[in-house]
Amino acid sequence: MRTINKIHQAAYSPIADLVTYRAIPTASIQYIDPFLFLNHHGPQVYQRNNNGLPFGPHPHRGMETVTFILEGDIAHKDSSGHESVIQAGGVQWMRAGKGLIHAEISSDDFKQQGGPLEILQLWINLPARLKMSEPFYIGKQRDEIPTLPLDNGRAEVSLISGQWNEVKGAFDSADSIFLSTIKFKAGAQLEIPVPSAHNVFFYVISGELAVNTANVKALQLVEFNHDGDELKISAQTDAVLLLGHAMPLNEPVVSQGPFVMNTQQEIAEAYQDYRDGKFGSWEE
């Protein structure tokens, strides 16, 4: 089993009236290559006639965003012409690549009716060879994402990308990134193989888990060493886990605002290209 280097607590970082916990980066950890950033919004309940999510039009370049809608919804729109409303249980995968503008807000129905909201957004770095690739967006609803019951139904894996045995994830990843959410009932146990060369992203969304003998609670991120190829997980309570793993890129990471590149010069170019309208036009 892999040993644990450190358990990191997510930082409380609200955005307007949106409850937000930031798992990375924090004062104790910058990133787990290639996983760069995770915001955990909610859980909270919005009243009727609310303003919804506050993420109006903004640019990105050089990375991918994967957004997990646990409760509520997201209305997505971007400068490449994509629009969708993804409901609870669905996932959005967007490659910013060479640049685009997008907005992530709540649907008109959610703003009128209110209700529970919980959303995670993960940023994944792109290798230098793909940072200026064409952008794309794919949104999938709950029933389009493969689910695997395990441990006699006491655990359920939603397979976002990569493979679990012979089952292929809902999204293709250029760098064979494995991503999943796993729901546990109290007492469930799983043994999950992970290549020893991969970095692991292990974030407890809710509940409490024991992983490789250490107890990990909600809003905690586990940083593992590279000394084993197995995770042994047992659920102390009902719990939900975000689990990913991937080969590290081992490339320089220079980030500023919504851009993630390899050099400061590339960041300056991203801002200039955005000002010059090279990220596409935005129409309300």
Protein backbone atom coordinates (compact mmCIF):
# COMPACT_ATOMS: atom_id res chain seq x y z
CA MET A 1 0.00 0.00 0.00
CA ARG A 2 1.09 3.56 -0.62
CA THR A 3 2.10 5.55 2.42
CA ILE A 4 0.70 9.02 3.03
CA ASN A 5 2.93 12.06 2.92
CA LYS A 6 0.40 14.55 4.33
CA ILE A 7 -3.32 15.23 4.72
CA HIS A 8 -4.29 18.75 3.68
CA GLN A 9 -7.35 20.67 4.87
CA ALA A 10 -9.34 22.62 2.26
CA ALA A 11 -9.40 26.38 2.87
CA TYR A 12 -12.71 28.17 3.37
CA SER A 13 -12.86 30.76 0.58
CA PRO A 14 -16.42 32.00 -0.12
CA ILE A 15 -17.24 33.75 -3.40
CA ALA A 16 -20.06 36.29 -2.90
CA ASP A 17 -22.87 34.23 -1.31
CA LEU A 18 -21.44 30.95 -2.63
CA VAL A 19 -19.98 28.68 0.06
CA THR A 20 -16.58 27.59 -1.30
CA TYR A 21 -13.73 25.44 -0.01
CA ARG A 22 -10.47 25.41 -1.99
CA ALA A 23 -8.61 22.10 -1.76
CA ILE A 24 -5.69 23.21 -3.96
CA PRO A 25 -3.81 25.45 -3.96
CA THR A 26 -3.61 26.20 -0.22
CA ALA A 27 -0.91 27.35 2.16
CA SER A 28 0.22 23.73 2.58
CA ILE A 29 0.15 22.47 -1.03
CA GLN A 30 0.41 24.11 -4.46
CA TYR A 31 -0.70 21.29 -6.77
CA ILE A 32 -0.47 17.56 -7.42
CA ASP A 33 0.85 17.39 -10.99
CA PRO A 34 -1.15 17.46 -13.30
CA PHE A 35 -4.06 18.36 -10.94
CA LEU A 36 -3.81 22.11 -10.36
CA PHE A 37 -6.88 23.49 -8.65
CA LEU A 38 -10.07 22.34 -6.94
CA ASN A 39 -12.93 24.50 -5.73
CA HIS A 40 -15.71 22.80 -3.78
CA HIS A 41 -18.86 24.94 -3.90
CA GLY A 42 -21.54 24.20 -1.32
CA PRO A 43 -23.29 22.25 -0.08
CA GLN A 44 -25.89 24.92 0.50
CA VAL A 45 -29.53 25.66 -0.26
CA TYR A 46 -30.53 28.61 -2.42
CA GLN A 47 -33.83 30.33 -1.80
CA ARG A 48 -36.32 31.14 -4.54
CA ASN A 49 -35.48 34.09 -6.83
CA ASN A 50 -31.74 33.83 -6.20
CA ASN A 51 -28.82 35.12 -8.28
CA GLY A 52 -27.33 31.67 -8.84
CA LEU A 53 -23.68 31.01 -9.60
CA PRO A 54 -21.52 34.14 -10.02
CA PHE A 55 -19.21 32.93 -12.81
CA GLY A 56 -20.02 35.21 -15.74
CA PRO A 57 -17.91 35.43 -18.93
CA HIS A 58 -14.18 34.90 -18.30
CA PRO A 59 -11.25 33.53 -20.37
CA HIS A 60 -9.01 30.46 -20.00
CA ARG A 61 -5.93 29.12 -21.75
CA GLY A 62 -3.57 26.19 -21.27
CA MET A 63 -5.63 23.85 -19.10
CA GLU A 64 -8.82 21.79 -18.81
CA THR A 65 -11.71 22.20 -16.40
CA VAL A 66 -13.76 19.25 -15.19
CA THR A 67 -16.93 20.25 -13.35
CA PHE A 68 -18.92 17.83 -11.22
CA ILE A 69 -22.54 18.84 -10.54
CA LEU A 70 -23.52 16.99 -7.36
CA GLU A 71 -26.64 19.08 -6.66
CA GLY A 72 -28.28 21.92 -8.59
CA ASP A 73 -27.29 22.66 -12.18
CA ILE A 74 -24.93 24.65 -14.41
CA ALA A 75 -25.81 26.58 -17.54
CA HIS A 76 -22.67 26.64 -19.70
CA LYS A 77 -21.99 28.97 -22.63
CA ASP A 78 -18.69 29.63 -24.43
CA SER A 79 -17.21 31.58 -27.32
CA SER A 80 -16.88 28.41 -29.41
CA GLY A 81 -20.67 28.25 -29.64
CA HIS A 82 -21.44 25.58 -27.05
CA GLU A 83 -24.43 25.92 -24.73
CA SER A 84 -25.92 23.41 -22.31
CA VAL A 85 -27.60 22.97 -18.94
CA ILE A 86 -26.15 20.04 -16.99
CA GLN A 87 -28.20 18.71 -14.09
CA ALA A 88 -27.25 17.02 -10.81
CA GLY A 89 -25.10 13.94 -11.37
CA GLY A 90 -23.72 15.28 -14.64
CA VAL A 91 -20.19 16.37 -15.55
CA GLN A 92 -18.69 19.00 -17.86
CA TRP A 93 -15.26 18.62 -19.48
CA MET A 94 -13.83 21.70 -21.18
CA ARG A 95 -10.44 22.06 -22.82
CA ALA A 96 -9.43 25.71 -22.88
CA GLY A 97 -6.43 24.96 -25.11
CA LYS A 98 -5.34 28.04 -27.03
CA GLY A 99 -8.12 30.08 -25.48
CA LEU A 100 -11.83 30.65 -25.13
CA ILE A 101 -14.30 32.64 -23.07
CA HIS A 102 -16.98 30.84 -21.08
CA ALA A 103 -19.64 31.46 -18.45
CA GLU A 104 -20.89 29.05 -15.80
CA ILE A 105 -24.10 30.27 -14.23
CA SER A 106 -27.28 28.72 -12.88
CA SER A 107 -30.23 28.02 -15.13
CA ASP A 108 -33.22 30.35 -15.10
CA ASP A 109 -35.24 27.57 -13.50
CA PHE A 110 -32.76 27.17 -10.63
CA LYS A 111 -32.63 30.93 -10.06
CA GLN A 112 -36.42 31.06 -9.90
CA GLN A 113 -37.05 27.90 -7.86
CA GLY A 114 -33.88 27.62 -5.75
CA GLY A 115 -32.81 24.36 -4.15
CA PRO A 116 -29.69 22.51 -3.00
CA LEU A 117 -26.38 23.20 -4.75
CA GLU A 118 -23.03 21.43 -4.57
CA ILE A 119 -20.47 21.63 -7.38
CA LEU A 120 -16.78 20.80 -7.72
CA GLN A 121 -14.48 22.24 -10.36
CA LEU A 122 -11.11 20.64 -11.00
CA TRP A 123 -8.40 22.18 -13.20
CA ILE A 124 -6.09 19.76 -14.99
CA ASN A 125 -2.89 20.97 -16.60
CA LEU A 126 -2.26 20.40 -20.28
CA PRO A 127 1.20 19.35 -21.45
CA ALA A 128 3.14 21.97 -23.41
CA ARG A 129 2.38 20.16 -26.67
CA LEU A 130 -1.39 20.65 -26.13
CA LYS A 131 -1.57 24.08 -24.52
CA MET A 132 -2.34 25.76 -27.85
CA SER A 133 -4.66 23.00 -29.11
CA GLU A 134 -8.21 23.67 -30.25
CA PRO A 135 -10.68 24.21 -27.41
CA PHE A 136 -13.62 21.87 -26.91
CA TYR A 137 -16.52 21.36 -24.51
CA ILE A 138 -18.55 18.23 -23.70
CA GLY A 139 -21.34 18.09 -21.14
CA LYS A 140 -22.90 14.80 -20.07
CA GLN A 141 -25.91 14.13 -17.88
CA ARG A 142 -26.02 11.57 -15.07
CA ASP A 143 -27.39 8.75 -17.26
CA GLU A 144 -24.54 9.17 -19.78
CA ILE A 145 -21.86 8.35 -17.18
CA PRO A 146 -21.03 4.67 -16.53
CA THR A 147 -21.60 3.51 -12.96
CA LEU A 148 -20.18 0.36 -11.42
CA PRO A 149 -21.62 -1.21 -8.26
CA LEU A 150 -18.87 -2.74 -6.11
CA ASP A 151 -18.56 -4.53 -2.77
CA ASN A 152 -22.01 -6.08 -3.10
CA GLY A 153 -23.59 -2.74 -3.86
CA ARG A 154 -22.09 -0.92 -0.86
CA ALA A 155 -19.95 1.25 -3.16
CA GLU A 156 -20.70 2.82 -6.54
CA VAL A 157 -18.13 4.26 -8.93
CA SER A 158 -19.10 6.93 -11.47
CA LEU A 159 -16.41 6.54 -14.12
CA ILE A 160 -15.57 9.94 -15.60
CA SER A 161 -12.41 9.10 -17.57
CA GLY A 162 -9.95 6.25 -17.90
CA GLN A 163 -10.84 2.60 -17.40
CA TRP A 164 -12.00 0.37 -14.56
CA ASN A 165 -11.37 -3.22 -15.59
CA GLU A 166 -13.05 -3.41 -19.02
CA VAL A 167 -15.34 -0.40 -18.54
CA LYS A 168 -14.40 2.85 -20.29
CA GLY A 169 -15.12 6.26 -18.77
CA ALA A 170 -17.60 8.81 -20.11
CA PHE A 171 -14.87 11.17 -21.39
CA ASP A 172 -11.66 10.66 -23.33
CA SER A 173 -8.51 12.10 -21.79
CA ALA A 174 -5.53 12.89 -24.00
CA ASP A 175 -3.08 11.84 -21.27
CA SER A 176 -4.93 8.79 -19.89
CA ILE A 177 -6.08 10.60 -16.78
CA PHE A 178 -8.28 8.49 -14.52
CA LEU A 179 -11.14 10.37 -12.83
CA SER A 180 -14.08 9.09 -10.81
CA THR A 181 -16.44 9.87 -8.01
CA ILE A 182 -17.18 7.03 -5.59
CA LYS A 183 -20.14 6.81 -3.22
CA PHE A 184 -19.68 4.59 -0.17
CA LYS A 185 -22.13 3.22 2.32
CA ALA A 186 -20.77 2.88 5.85
CA GLY A 187 -18.68 -0.28 6.09
CA ALA A 188 -17.91 -0.53 2.38
CA GLN A 189 -14.39 -1.62 1.46
CA LEU A 190 -12.44 -1.26 -1.80
CA GLU A 191 -8.94 -2.11 -2.93
CA ILE A 192 -7.94 0.04 -5.88
CA PRO A 193 -4.77 -0.52 -7.92
CA VAL A 194 -2.89 2.64 -8.93
CA PRO A 195 0.35 2.59 -10.97
CA SER A 196 3.21 3.49 -8.64
CA ALA A 197 4.46 6.18 -11.07
CA HIS A 198 1.12 8.01 -11.03
CA ASN A 199 0.22 10.94 -8.81
CA VAL A 200 -3.02 10.37 -6.92
CA PHE A 201 -5.75 12.96 -6.37
CA PHE A 202 -7.81 11.83 -3.34
CA TYR A 203 -10.35 14.34 -2.00
CA VAL A 204 -13.12 13.45 0.44
CA ILE A 205 -16.25 15.36 -0.52
CA SER A 206 -18.36 14.17 2.41
CA GLY A 207 -18.24 11.61 5.21
CA GLU A 208 -15.15 9.87 6.56
CA LEU A 209 -12.90 7.23 5.00
CA ALA A 210 -9.92 5.22 6.14
CA VAL A 211 -7.31 4.93 3.40
CA ASN A 212 -4.20 2.83 3.90
CA THR A 213 -4.85 2.95 7.70
CA ALA A 214 -5.25 6.78 7.95
CA ASN A 215 -8.61 8.39 8.67
CA VAL A 216 -9.58 11.17 6.26
CA LYS A 217 -12.58 13.44 6.77
CA ALA A 218 -14.70 15.61 4.50
CA LEU A 219 -12.87 18.56 2.92
CA GLN A 220 -9.49 16.87 3.21
CA LEU A 221 -7.02 16.08 0.42
CA VAL A 222 -4.51 13.23 0.76
CA GLU A 223 -0.99 13.55 -0.65
CA PHE A 224 0.55 10.10 -1.21
CA ASN A 225 4.13 8.95 -1.61
CA HIS A 226 5.23 6.83 -4.60
CA ASP A 227 6.01 3.69 -2.64
CA GLY A 228 3.16 1.36 -3.53
CA ASP A 229 0.54 0.52 -6.12
CA GLU A 230 -2.63 0.05 -4.09
CA LEU A 231 -5.18 2.08 -2.15
CA LYS A 232 -7.15 0.21 0.50
CA ILE A 233 -10.27 2.18 1.43
CA SER A 234 -12.90 1.49 4.06
CA ALA A 235 -15.86 3.75 4.77
CA GLN A 236 -16.25 4.84 8.38
CA THR A 237 -19.53 6.55 7.46
CA ASP A 238 -21.53 7.10 4.30
CA ALA A 239 -19.07 9.06 2.16
CA VAL A 240 -18.33 10.50 -1.28
CA LEU A 241 -14.82 10.58 -2.76
CA LEU A 242 -13.27 12.31 -5.76
CA LEU A 243 -10.48 10.02 -6.94
CA GLY A 244 -8.08 10.64 -9.80
CA HIS A 245 -4.63 9.55 -10.84
CA ALA A 246 -2.27 10.35 -13.71
CA MET A 247 1.34 10.46 -14.79
CA PRO A 248 2.91 13.76 -13.72
CA LEU A 249 3.87 16.08 -16.57
CA ASN A 250 7.04 17.28 -14.82
CA GLU A 251 6.89 20.57 -16.74
CA PRO A 252 7.17 24.14 -15.44
CA VAL A 253 3.85 25.55 -14.23
CA VAL A 254 3.34 29.30 -14.53
CA SER A 255 -0.19 30.39 -13.69
CA GLN A 256 -1.79 33.79 -13.43
CA GLY A 257 -5.51 34.33 -13.07
CA PRO A 258 -7.32 32.09 -15.58
CA PHE A 259 -4.21 31.14 -17.60
CA VAL A 260 -1.80 28.23 -17.00
CA MET A 261 1.30 28.10 -19.19
CA ASN A 262 4.98 27.07 -18.99
CA THR A 263 6.66 30.51 -18.99
CA GLN A 264 5.90 34.04 -17.87
CA GLN A 265 6.27 35.17 -21.50
CA GLU A 266 3.45 32.81 -22.48
CA ILE A 267 1.27 34.32 -19.76
CA ALA A 268 1.93 37.81 -21.13
CA GLU A 269 1.05 36.56 -24.62
CA ALA A 270 -2.20 35.06 -23.31
CA TYR A 271 -3.30 38.40 -21.85
CA GLN A 272 -2.37 40.20 -25.07
CA ASP A 273 -4.20 37.67 -27.23
CA TYR A 274 -7.28 38.01 -25.01
CA ARG A 275 -7.16 41.81 -25.34
CA ASP A 276 -6.79 41.40 -29.12
CA GLY A 277 -9.97 39.31 -29.33
CA LYS A 278 -8.23 36.04 -30.23
CA PHE A 279 -10.30 34.06 -27.73
CA GLY A 280 -13.47 34.54 -29.74
CA SER A 281 -16.31 36.98 -29.34
CA TRP A 282 -18.93 36.96 -26.59
CA GLU A 283 -22.56 37.66 -27.33
CA GLU A 284 -25.23 37.79 -24.63
